[in-house]
Amino acid sequence: MSDIIRRDPRAEWIARNRLHPLHAAMQPVQHSWMGPNGIIRKNVHGVGFIGPNGIKRIDRSGAQQGGAAKRTAAVDVQLPLHQVPMPAFYISVVPDMVGGRLSSHDRDLLGLARQLAGSDGAVLAVVFGEHKENAFATAGVDRLLVLDGQAFDGYSPEQRVQGLRAVDNQFNPRHWLLPDSRSGGGELGRRFAASLKERPATRVWQIKGDECIGRAGAGQQDLARPLPRLILAAVECAEPVSETRHEVLPVELSTSLARSLPRIEDLGAVAVDPAAIPMAEAEFIFSGGNGVKDWALFHQTAAALGATEGASRVAVDDGFMARDRQVGASGTWVTARVYVAVGISGAIQHLQGIGACDKVVAINLDPTCDMIKRADLSVIGESAAILQALIDAVHTYRNGTKRDAA
C-alpha cells in the first residue's frame, strides 16, 4: 500500500465554503487564542489538552477515527471528585455573583484559588444573600458559606465587611481573593483591606510562587510584588477549573453577627437611560447589523428590553447608528453579560469585540453564519417577526407581573 497522503478536493472545498452544511465539521479545532487583554487562552476542552492535574483529554467519541459516534448525542462525563476531608488551610474567595450566578471573572478567580490551595488546602467561597448557582462543584468550590439576611441586601458594604471579618476570625484563611471589578468586588476588597489594615495586591493577573504580578500604569506596565494575604484579581488571572468536581460542603459561622447601625442607606437602583451608558460599561447590549430591515422596530425592541443599543460596522457605515455605537475590534470591545446580535453575520473583527461577553444570543436567517456558531442561544428566522414577538412577550410578562402584584 502506498504511503502517499492523498488530498480530498471535495473536503477542502467544503472547508472553504461557509454556506455548506458540513463547513463547521471540516474546521480544525482551535487550541489557543489571544484574549482581549493580550493573554493567551487555552481550549481546556480540546482533545489532547493536559490540564493542571496532569490529566490528558482523550477522544472517546470516535470523531478522530471518522466513526458514526461523532453524530450521536454527547454523553455526560463524570469528572473525578476532589475531596479535602481535613483542610490544612483555606483560600477564601468572595465572588461578585452578579444576578446570583458565577460570572466568567468569578470562575477565573476560583481557578486561581484552586492553584493556591493545591492538594492540602480547601477553597472556601463566601456568598452574600440568595443565589441561583448550581455549578459550584465544577467551578472548584470545596466549602460554601452563605451569609444571608436583610443586612446584606442591596448595597451594604459595611455589613459585608463585618461578615468577612467574622469569617476571617473563624477560618483564618491563608489568602483572600476578590475580583477587582466594577460589580462590587473591587470596592469591597479595598474596604476589607482597610479594615484588616493590610495592603492588598490589585489588578493581579498572574501569580508565580511567592510573587504576584499586577497591571499598573493604565494597564501598560506590570508591577511585581511579594504575594500578600489579600488579592484583588483581574479577569483571565487563571484558567477556570474544568477537570475536577468538588464537594461544596456547606459551612456556617460559629457565632452570630453583631447588629450595627449602618452609616450608608441604600435607596435602591437609580433609573438610567440605556442610551447614555458607554458601550464598554453596558451589561445588556442589543446590537443590529445588515440583516435588520426595520430599524424603527429595532429601536422599539431595545427600549422595551431596556438594553443599550449597538451595531455592526456595516450598519454604522450605512448611517443607521452613530459611530460610538459600533461594536468590534475596529469599534468598541464590550464585556456585556448579555449580547443580542440581530442580523449580524459575525465578521472576525466583530467576534473579537464580543469575545469577553458572557452570553451571546443570535437572531439570524442564516443558520451557518459565524455568529450562530459563536452564540450560546440562536433563533433562526426573520428578524422583524422575532422582534415583534419579543416585544409582545415583554409586555405580556410585565402586565402579568403587575396583575399578580396587585
Protein backbone atom coordinates (compact mmCIF):
# COMPACT_ATOMS: atom_id res chain seq x y z
CA MET A 1 0.00 0.00 0.00
CA SER A 2 1.34 3.44 -0.92
CA ASP A 3 2.41 5.85 1.86
CA ILE A 4 1.42 8.86 -0.21
CA ILE A 5 -1.15 11.05 1.56
CA ARG A 6 -3.86 11.84 -0.96
CA ARG A 7 -5.75 15.12 -0.88
CA ASP A 8 -9.53 15.31 -0.77
CA PRO A 9 -10.53 18.22 -3.06
CA ARG A 10 -14.18 17.99 -2.00
CA ALA A 11 -13.31 18.22 1.70
CA GLU A 12 -11.08 21.21 1.00
CA TRP A 13 -13.90 22.90 -0.92
CA ILE A 14 -16.35 22.31 1.93
CA ALA A 15 -13.84 23.77 4.40
CA ARG A 16 -13.67 26.96 2.31
CA ASN A 17 -17.43 27.24 1.71
CA ARG A 18 -19.04 28.75 4.83
CA LEU A 19 -22.54 28.13 3.43
CA HIS A 20 -22.08 24.38 3.16
CA PRO A 21 -23.91 22.38 5.90
CA LEU A 22 -20.72 20.42 6.68
CA HIS A 23 -18.50 23.50 6.86
CA ALA A 24 -18.26 23.51 10.67
CA ALA A 25 -17.29 19.81 10.81
CA MET A 26 -14.35 20.44 8.45
CA GLN A 27 -12.80 23.22 10.56
CA PRO A 28 -9.71 22.49 12.65
CA VAL A 29 -10.14 22.71 16.40
CA GLN A 30 -8.68 25.93 17.82
CA HIS A 31 -6.42 25.00 20.73
CA SER A 32 -5.36 28.51 21.82
CA TRP A 33 -6.18 32.13 21.09
CA MET A 34 -5.37 35.57 22.43
CA GLY A 35 -7.91 37.10 24.80
CA PRO A 36 -8.96 40.78 24.84
CA ASN A 37 -6.29 41.55 27.47
CA GLY A 38 -3.47 40.05 25.43
CA ILE A 39 -3.33 36.81 27.44
CA ILE A 40 -3.16 33.52 25.56
CA ARG A 41 -6.17 31.37 26.49
CA LYS A 42 -6.14 27.59 26.01
CA ASN A 43 -9.02 25.38 24.97
CA VAL A 44 -9.25 23.17 28.04
CA HIS A 45 -11.92 21.05 26.34
CA GLY A 46 -9.75 20.24 23.33
CA VAL A 47 -8.64 16.68 22.60
CA GLY A 48 -5.11 16.09 23.86
CA PHE A 49 -5.10 19.02 26.29
CA ILE A 50 -3.16 18.32 29.50
CA GLY A 51 -4.80 20.05 32.46
CA PRO A 52 -3.18 21.30 35.67
CA ASN A 53 -3.79 17.90 37.30
CA GLY A 54 -1.84 16.11 34.60
CA ILE A 55 -4.97 14.54 33.09
CA LYS A 56 -4.98 14.38 29.32
CA ARG A 57 -8.27 14.65 27.44
CA ILE A 58 -8.85 11.63 25.21
CA ASP A 59 -11.29 11.43 22.33
CA ARG A 60 -13.76 8.65 23.13
CA SER A 61 -16.41 9.73 20.65
CA GLY A 62 -14.81 8.17 17.58
CA ALA A 63 -14.61 11.54 15.86
CA GLN A 64 -10.87 11.21 15.20
CA GLN A 65 -11.45 7.86 13.53
CA GLY A 66 -14.29 9.27 11.44
CA GLY A 67 -16.78 6.90 13.02
CA ALA A 68 -20.51 7.39 13.33
CA ALA A 69 -20.19 8.01 17.04
CA LYS A 70 -19.49 11.70 16.43
CA ARG A 71 -23.08 12.12 15.21
CA THR A 72 -24.58 10.66 18.37
CA ALA A 73 -25.62 12.65 21.38
CA ALA A 74 -22.86 13.61 23.77
CA VAL A 75 -22.62 11.59 26.95
CA ASP A 76 -22.01 13.43 30.21
CA VAL A 77 -18.58 12.61 31.58
CA GLN A 78 -18.34 12.11 35.34
CA LEU A 79 -15.36 14.19 36.45
CA PRO A 80 -13.13 12.85 39.25
CA LEU A 81 -14.22 14.03 42.69
CA HIS A 82 -11.69 16.12 44.63
CA GLN A 83 -12.15 15.85 48.39
CA VAL A 84 -10.39 17.61 51.24
CA PRO A 85 -11.64 15.98 54.48
CA MET A 86 -9.29 17.90 56.81
CA PRO A 87 -8.01 21.05 55.10
CA ALA A 88 -4.60 22.25 56.20
CA PHE A 89 -5.62 25.79 55.35
CA TYR A 90 -8.30 27.74 53.47
CA ILE A 91 -8.25 30.01 50.43
CA SER A 92 -11.30 32.26 50.72
CA VAL A 93 -12.99 33.61 47.60
CA VAL A 94 -15.72 36.27 47.54
CA PRO A 95 -17.27 36.14 44.04
CA ASP A 96 -19.34 39.00 42.66
CA MET A 97 -22.28 36.67 41.85
CA VAL A 98 -23.93 39.25 39.58
CA GLY A 99 -27.51 38.12 39.05
CA GLY A 100 -27.00 35.34 41.59
CA ARG A 101 -24.68 33.33 39.33
CA LEU A 102 -20.95 32.91 38.82
CA SER A 103 -19.56 35.13 36.09
CA SER A 104 -16.55 34.29 33.91
CA HIS A 105 -14.47 36.58 36.13
CA ASP A 106 -15.63 34.63 39.20
CA ARG A 107 -14.67 31.32 37.60
CA ASP A 108 -11.20 32.66 36.74
CA LEU A 109 -10.87 33.71 40.38
CA LEU A 110 -11.86 30.25 41.61
CA GLY A 111 -9.32 28.74 39.23
CA LEU A 112 -6.63 30.92 40.79
CA ALA A 113 -7.79 29.89 44.28
CA ARG A 114 -7.56 26.25 43.25
CA GLN A 115 -3.93 26.77 42.24
CA LEU A 116 -3.10 28.39 45.58
CA ALA A 117 -4.93 25.68 47.55
CA GLY A 118 -3.08 22.78 45.95
CA SER A 119 -3.92 19.32 47.28
CA ASP A 120 -3.90 20.13 51.01
CA GLY A 121 -5.93 23.34 51.09
CA ALA A 122 -9.64 23.93 50.52
CA VAL A 123 -11.33 26.70 48.56
CA LEU A 124 -13.94 28.48 50.69
CA ALA A 125 -16.49 30.52 48.74
CA VAL A 126 -18.31 33.25 50.67
CA VAL A 127 -21.63 34.25 49.07
CA PHE A 128 -23.94 37.02 50.26
CA GLY A 129 -27.72 36.54 50.03
CA GLU A 130 -29.68 34.08 47.95
CA HIS A 131 -28.12 32.74 44.78
CA LYS A 132 -29.19 30.76 41.70
CA GLU A 133 -25.90 28.99 41.05
CA ASN A 134 -25.90 25.18 40.90
CA ALA A 135 -22.44 24.63 39.41
CA PHE A 136 -20.19 25.39 42.38
CA ALA A 137 -18.93 21.79 42.25
CA THR A 138 -17.45 22.13 38.76
CA ALA A 139 -16.11 25.63 39.49
CA GLY A 140 -13.69 24.42 42.19
CA VAL A 141 -15.52 25.18 45.47
CA ASP A 142 -14.75 22.83 48.38
CA ARG A 143 -16.64 24.70 51.12
CA LEU A 144 -19.57 27.10 50.71
CA LEU A 145 -20.56 29.72 53.26
CA VAL A 146 -23.76 31.67 52.55
CA LEU A 147 -24.29 34.85 54.56
CA ASP A 148 -27.93 35.80 54.10
CA GLY A 149 -30.31 38.17 55.78
CA GLN A 150 -31.74 41.62 55.24
CA ALA A 151 -28.49 43.21 56.44
CA PHE A 152 -26.72 42.01 53.27
CA ASP A 153 -29.43 43.02 50.80
CA GLY A 154 -28.70 45.71 48.25
CA TYR A 155 -25.70 47.99 48.67
CA SER A 156 -24.37 47.15 52.14
CA PRO A 157 -20.54 47.30 52.13
CA GLU A 158 -20.23 47.90 55.88
CA GLN A 159 -22.30 44.84 56.80
CA ARG A 160 -20.44 42.71 54.27
CA VAL A 161 -17.06 43.77 55.62
CA GLN A 162 -18.30 42.86 59.10
CA GLY A 163 -19.33 39.42 57.80
CA LEU A 164 -15.93 38.90 56.16
CA ARG A 165 -14.22 39.85 59.41
CA ALA A 166 -16.22 37.14 61.18
CA VAL A 167 -15.20 34.60 58.53
CA ASP A 168 -11.57 35.71 58.89
CA ASN A 169 -11.66 35.22 62.66
CA GLN A 170 -13.16 31.73 62.43
CA PHE A 171 -11.37 30.17 59.44
CA ASN A 172 -8.18 32.31 59.31
CA PRO A 173 -7.68 31.84 55.52
CA ARG A 174 -4.17 31.88 54.14
CA HIS A 175 -5.31 34.16 51.30
CA TRP A 176 -8.39 36.22 50.46
CA LEU A 177 -9.33 36.53 46.77
CA LEU A 178 -11.83 39.06 45.42
CA PRO A 179 -12.48 40.14 41.82
CA ASP A 180 -11.08 43.58 41.00
CA SER A 181 -14.25 44.56 39.17
CA ARG A 182 -16.79 47.35 38.94
CA SER A 183 -19.54 44.96 40.09
CA GLY A 184 -18.67 45.44 43.75
CA GLY A 185 -15.66 43.21 44.30
CA GLY A 186 -13.13 45.99 43.80
CA GLU A 187 -14.73 48.30 46.35
CA LEU A 188 -15.49 45.54 48.86
CA GLY A 189 -11.92 44.25 48.65
CA ARG A 190 -10.43 47.68 49.33
CA ARG A 191 -12.80 48.31 52.25
CA PHE A 192 -11.96 44.87 53.66
CA ALA A 193 -8.24 45.53 53.29
CA ALA A 194 -8.58 48.82 55.18
CA SER A 195 -10.47 47.01 57.92
CA LEU A 196 -7.70 44.40 58.21
CA LYS A 197 -5.03 47.14 57.95
CA GLU A 198 -3.36 45.24 55.11
CA ARG A 199 -2.12 46.40 51.74
CA PRO A 200 -3.83 44.39 49.01
CA ALA A 201 -2.42 43.45 45.62
CA THR A 202 -4.69 44.93 42.96
CA ARG A 203 -5.35 44.07 39.30
CA VAL A 204 -3.39 40.83 39.70
CA TRP A 205 -3.27 38.74 36.56
CA GLN A 206 -0.50 36.25 37.37
CA ILE A 207 0.97 34.52 40.43
CA LYS A 208 4.37 32.84 40.37
CA GLY A 209 5.45 31.19 43.59
CA ASP A 210 5.59 33.82 46.33
CA GLU A 211 5.26 36.72 43.88
CA CYS A 212 2.26 38.25 42.12
CA ILE A 213 2.14 40.46 39.04
CA GLY A 214 -0.48 43.18 38.64
CA ARG A 215 -1.32 45.74 35.99
CA ALA A 216 -0.08 49.30 36.55
CA GLY A 217 0.38 52.49 34.54
CA ALA A 218 -3.09 52.45 32.95
CA GLY A 219 -2.60 48.79 32.07
CA GLN A 220 0.64 49.41 30.15
CA GLN A 221 3.07 48.12 32.79
CA ASP A 222 3.41 45.15 35.13
CA LEU A 223 4.11 45.58 38.83
CA ALA A 224 5.64 42.63 40.70
CA ARG A 225 5.47 42.39 44.49
CA PRO A 226 5.54 39.70 47.20
CA LEU A 227 2.32 37.73 47.44
CA PRO A 228 0.11 39.39 50.09
CA ARG A 229 -2.73 37.87 52.07
CA LEU A 230 -5.45 39.84 50.25
CA ILE A 231 -5.54 39.68 46.45
CA LEU A 232 -7.81 41.58 44.04
CA ALA A 233 -7.53 39.68 40.77
CA ALA A 234 -8.28 40.84 37.24
CA VAL A 235 -10.05 38.88 34.52
CA GLU A 236 -8.16 35.95 32.99
CA CYS A 237 -6.00 35.66 36.11
CA ALA A 238 -6.10 31.85 35.78
CA GLU A 239 -7.74 29.05 33.86
CA PRO A 240 -11.16 28.06 35.25
CA VAL A 241 -11.48 24.66 36.88
CA SER A 242 -12.69 22.16 34.30
CA GLU A 243 -11.25 18.71 35.03
CA THR A 244 -12.45 18.03 38.58
CA ARG A 245 -15.61 18.35 40.61
CA HIS A 246 -15.68 19.27 44.27
CA GLU A 247 -17.78 18.52 47.34
CA VAL A 248 -19.18 22.00 48.04
CA LEU A 249 -19.74 21.16 51.70
CA PRO A 250 -21.85 23.84 53.46
CA VAL A 251 -20.27 25.57 56.46
CA GLU A 252 -21.64 28.12 58.91
CA LEU A 253 -20.33 30.75 61.25
CA SER A 254 -19.96 29.55 64.82
CA THR A 255 -21.09 32.92 66.21
CA SER A 256 -23.90 35.21 65.14
CA LEU A 257 -23.02 38.56 63.66
CA ALA A 258 -23.49 41.55 65.91
CA ARG A 259 -26.03 44.06 64.66
CA SER A 260 -24.66 47.51 63.92
CA LEU A 261 -26.29 50.71 62.75
CA PRO A 262 -25.24 51.22 59.12
CA ARG A 263 -23.96 54.61 58.08
CA ILE A 264 -24.98 54.01 54.45
CA GLU A 265 -28.62 53.77 53.42
CA ASP A 266 -29.48 52.02 50.16
CA LEU A 267 -32.28 53.93 48.40
CA GLY A 268 -32.49 51.41 45.57
CA ALA A 269 -31.36 51.45 41.98
CA VAL A 270 -31.49 54.71 40.02
CA ALA A 271 -33.15 54.59 36.63
CA VAL A 272 -30.56 55.27 33.91
CA ASP A 273 -31.16 55.86 30.23
CA PRO A 274 -29.58 52.86 28.45
CA ALA A 275 -28.55 55.15 25.58
CA ALA A 276 -26.38 57.15 28.00
CA ILE A 277 -24.39 54.10 29.13
CA PRO A 278 -20.97 53.78 27.42
CA MET A 279 -20.67 50.65 25.32
CA ALA A 280 -17.66 49.40 27.28
CA GLU A 281 -19.67 49.52 30.55
CA ALA A 282 -23.03 48.20 29.30
CA GLU A 283 -24.31 44.97 30.84
CA PHE A 284 -27.03 44.29 28.26
CA ILE A 285 -26.41 45.20 24.61
CA PHE A 286 -28.93 44.87 21.78
CA SER A 287 -26.94 45.11 18.55
CA GLY A 288 -28.14 45.33 14.95
CA GLY A 289 -26.48 44.59 11.66
CA ASN A 290 -27.08 44.38 7.94
CA GLY A 291 -29.95 41.93 8.42
CA VAL A 292 -32.12 44.50 10.23
CA LYS A 293 -34.67 45.91 7.76
CA ASP A 294 -37.00 47.73 10.17
CA TRP A 295 -34.83 49.97 12.35
CA ALA A 296 -37.83 51.62 14.00
CA LEU A 297 -38.91 48.20 15.26
CA PHE A 298 -35.31 47.54 16.37
CA HIS A 299 -35.25 50.72 18.49
CA GLN A 300 -38.68 49.86 19.90
CA THR A 301 -37.47 46.40 20.93
CA ALA A 302 -34.33 47.79 22.58
CA ALA A 303 -36.45 50.26 24.54
CA ALA A 304 -38.85 47.52 25.64
CA LEU A 305 -35.95 45.39 26.87
CA GLY A 306 -34.12 48.30 28.49
CA ALA A 307 -30.96 47.42 26.60
CA THR A 308 -28.10 49.57 25.33
CA GLU A 309 -28.08 49.75 21.54
CA GLY A 310 -25.08 48.67 19.50
CA ALA A 311 -24.37 47.98 15.84
CA SER A 312 -22.01 46.28 13.46
CA ARG A 313 -19.64 48.24 11.25
CA VAL A 314 -21.87 47.75 8.21
CA ALA A 315 -24.86 49.29 10.00
CA VAL A 316 -22.73 52.22 11.17
CA ASP A 317 -21.29 52.80 7.69
CA ASP A 318 -24.80 52.81 6.26
CA GLY A 319 -25.78 55.56 8.70
CA PHE A 320 -28.28 53.61 10.81
CA MET A 321 -26.29 54.03 14.05
CA ALA A 322 -23.73 56.50 15.40
CA ARG A 323 -20.03 55.67 15.26
CA ASP A 324 -19.73 55.41 19.06
CA ARG A 325 -22.25 52.53 18.96
CA GLN A 326 -20.01 50.35 16.77
CA VAL A 327 -19.01 47.03 18.35
CA GLY A 328 -15.90 45.17 17.30
CA ALA A 329 -12.14 45.33 17.05
CA SER A 330 -12.45 48.48 14.91
CA GLY A 331 -15.05 49.96 17.30
CA THR A 332 -15.56 49.17 21.00
CA TRP A 333 -14.58 45.99 22.83
CA VAL A 334 -17.56 45.12 25.03
CA THR A 335 -17.87 42.94 28.13
CA ALA A 336 -21.64 42.69 28.45
CA ARG A 337 -23.28 39.92 30.44
CA VAL A 338 -25.83 39.50 27.62
CA TYR A 339 -25.19 40.44 24.00
CA VAL A 340 -28.01 40.08 21.46
CA ALA A 341 -26.93 40.19 17.79
CA VAL A 342 -29.76 40.85 15.33
CA GLY A 343 -28.94 40.31 11.67
CA ILE A 344 -25.16 40.21 12.25
CA SER A 345 -23.31 37.54 10.29
CA GLY A 346 -20.23 37.67 12.52
CA ALA A 347 -17.14 39.13 10.87
CA ILE A 348 -13.88 38.30 12.62
CA GLN A 349 -13.49 41.89 13.89
CA HIS A 350 -16.97 41.80 15.42
CA LEU A 351 -16.39 38.43 17.06
CA GLN A 352 -13.16 39.74 18.57
CA GLY A 353 -15.03 42.70 20.05
CA ILE A 354 -17.59 40.48 21.84
CA GLY A 355 -15.10 37.83 22.94
CA ALA A 356 -15.44 38.79 26.62
CA CYS A 357 -19.27 38.71 26.69
CA ASP A 358 -20.76 36.05 28.97
CA LYS A 359 -23.88 35.12 26.97
CA VAL A 360 -24.46 35.77 23.26
CA VAL A 361 -27.88 35.47 21.60
CA ALA A 362 -28.03 35.48 17.80
CA ILE A 363 -31.09 36.25 15.63
CA ASN A 364 -30.37 35.46 12.00
CA LEU A 365 -31.78 33.90 8.86
CA ASP A 366 -28.54 32.05 8.04
CA PRO A 367 -28.06 29.03 10.32
CA THR A 368 -24.46 28.60 9.10
CA CYS A 369 -23.12 32.08 9.78
CA ASP A 370 -20.25 32.59 12.20
CA MET A 371 -22.40 34.47 14.73
CA ILE A 372 -24.66 31.42 15.08
CA LYS A 373 -21.60 29.30 15.79
CA ARG A 374 -20.44 31.75 18.46
CA ALA A 375 -23.86 32.20 20.10
CA ASP A 376 -25.00 30.43 23.25
CA LEU A 377 -28.61 30.70 22.03
CA SER A 378 -29.67 31.03 18.38
CA VAL A 379 -33.02 31.99 16.87
CA ILE A 380 -33.35 31.29 13.14
CA GLY A 381 -35.95 33.38 11.35
CA GLU A 382 -36.98 36.78 10.03
CA SER A 383 -35.80 39.47 12.44
CA ALA A 384 -38.93 41.65 12.15
CA ALA A 385 -41.28 38.83 13.18
CA ILE A 386 -38.98 37.76 16.01
CA LEU A 387 -38.59 41.30 17.36
CA GLN A 388 -42.35 41.87 17.33
CA ALA A 389 -42.92 38.60 19.15
CA LEU A 390 -40.24 39.61 21.67
CA ILE A 391 -41.98 42.95 22.33
CA ASP A 392 -45.31 41.19 22.84
CA ALA A 393 -43.71 38.70 25.23
CA VAL A 394 -42.13 41.51 27.29
CA HIS A 395 -45.44 43.41 27.51
CA THR A 396 -47.31 40.24 28.48
CA TYR A 397 -44.77 39.42 31.17
CA ARG A 398 -44.81 42.90 32.66
CA ASN A 399 -48.59 43.19 32.62
CA GLY A 400 -48.92 39.76 34.20
CA THR A 401 -46.41 40.70 36.91
CA LYS A 402 -48.36 43.85 37.72
CA ARG A 403 -51.62 41.93 37.96
CA ASP A 404 -50.03 39.35 40.26
CA ALA A 405 -48.59 42.10 42.46
CA ALA A 406 -51.99 43.81 42.68
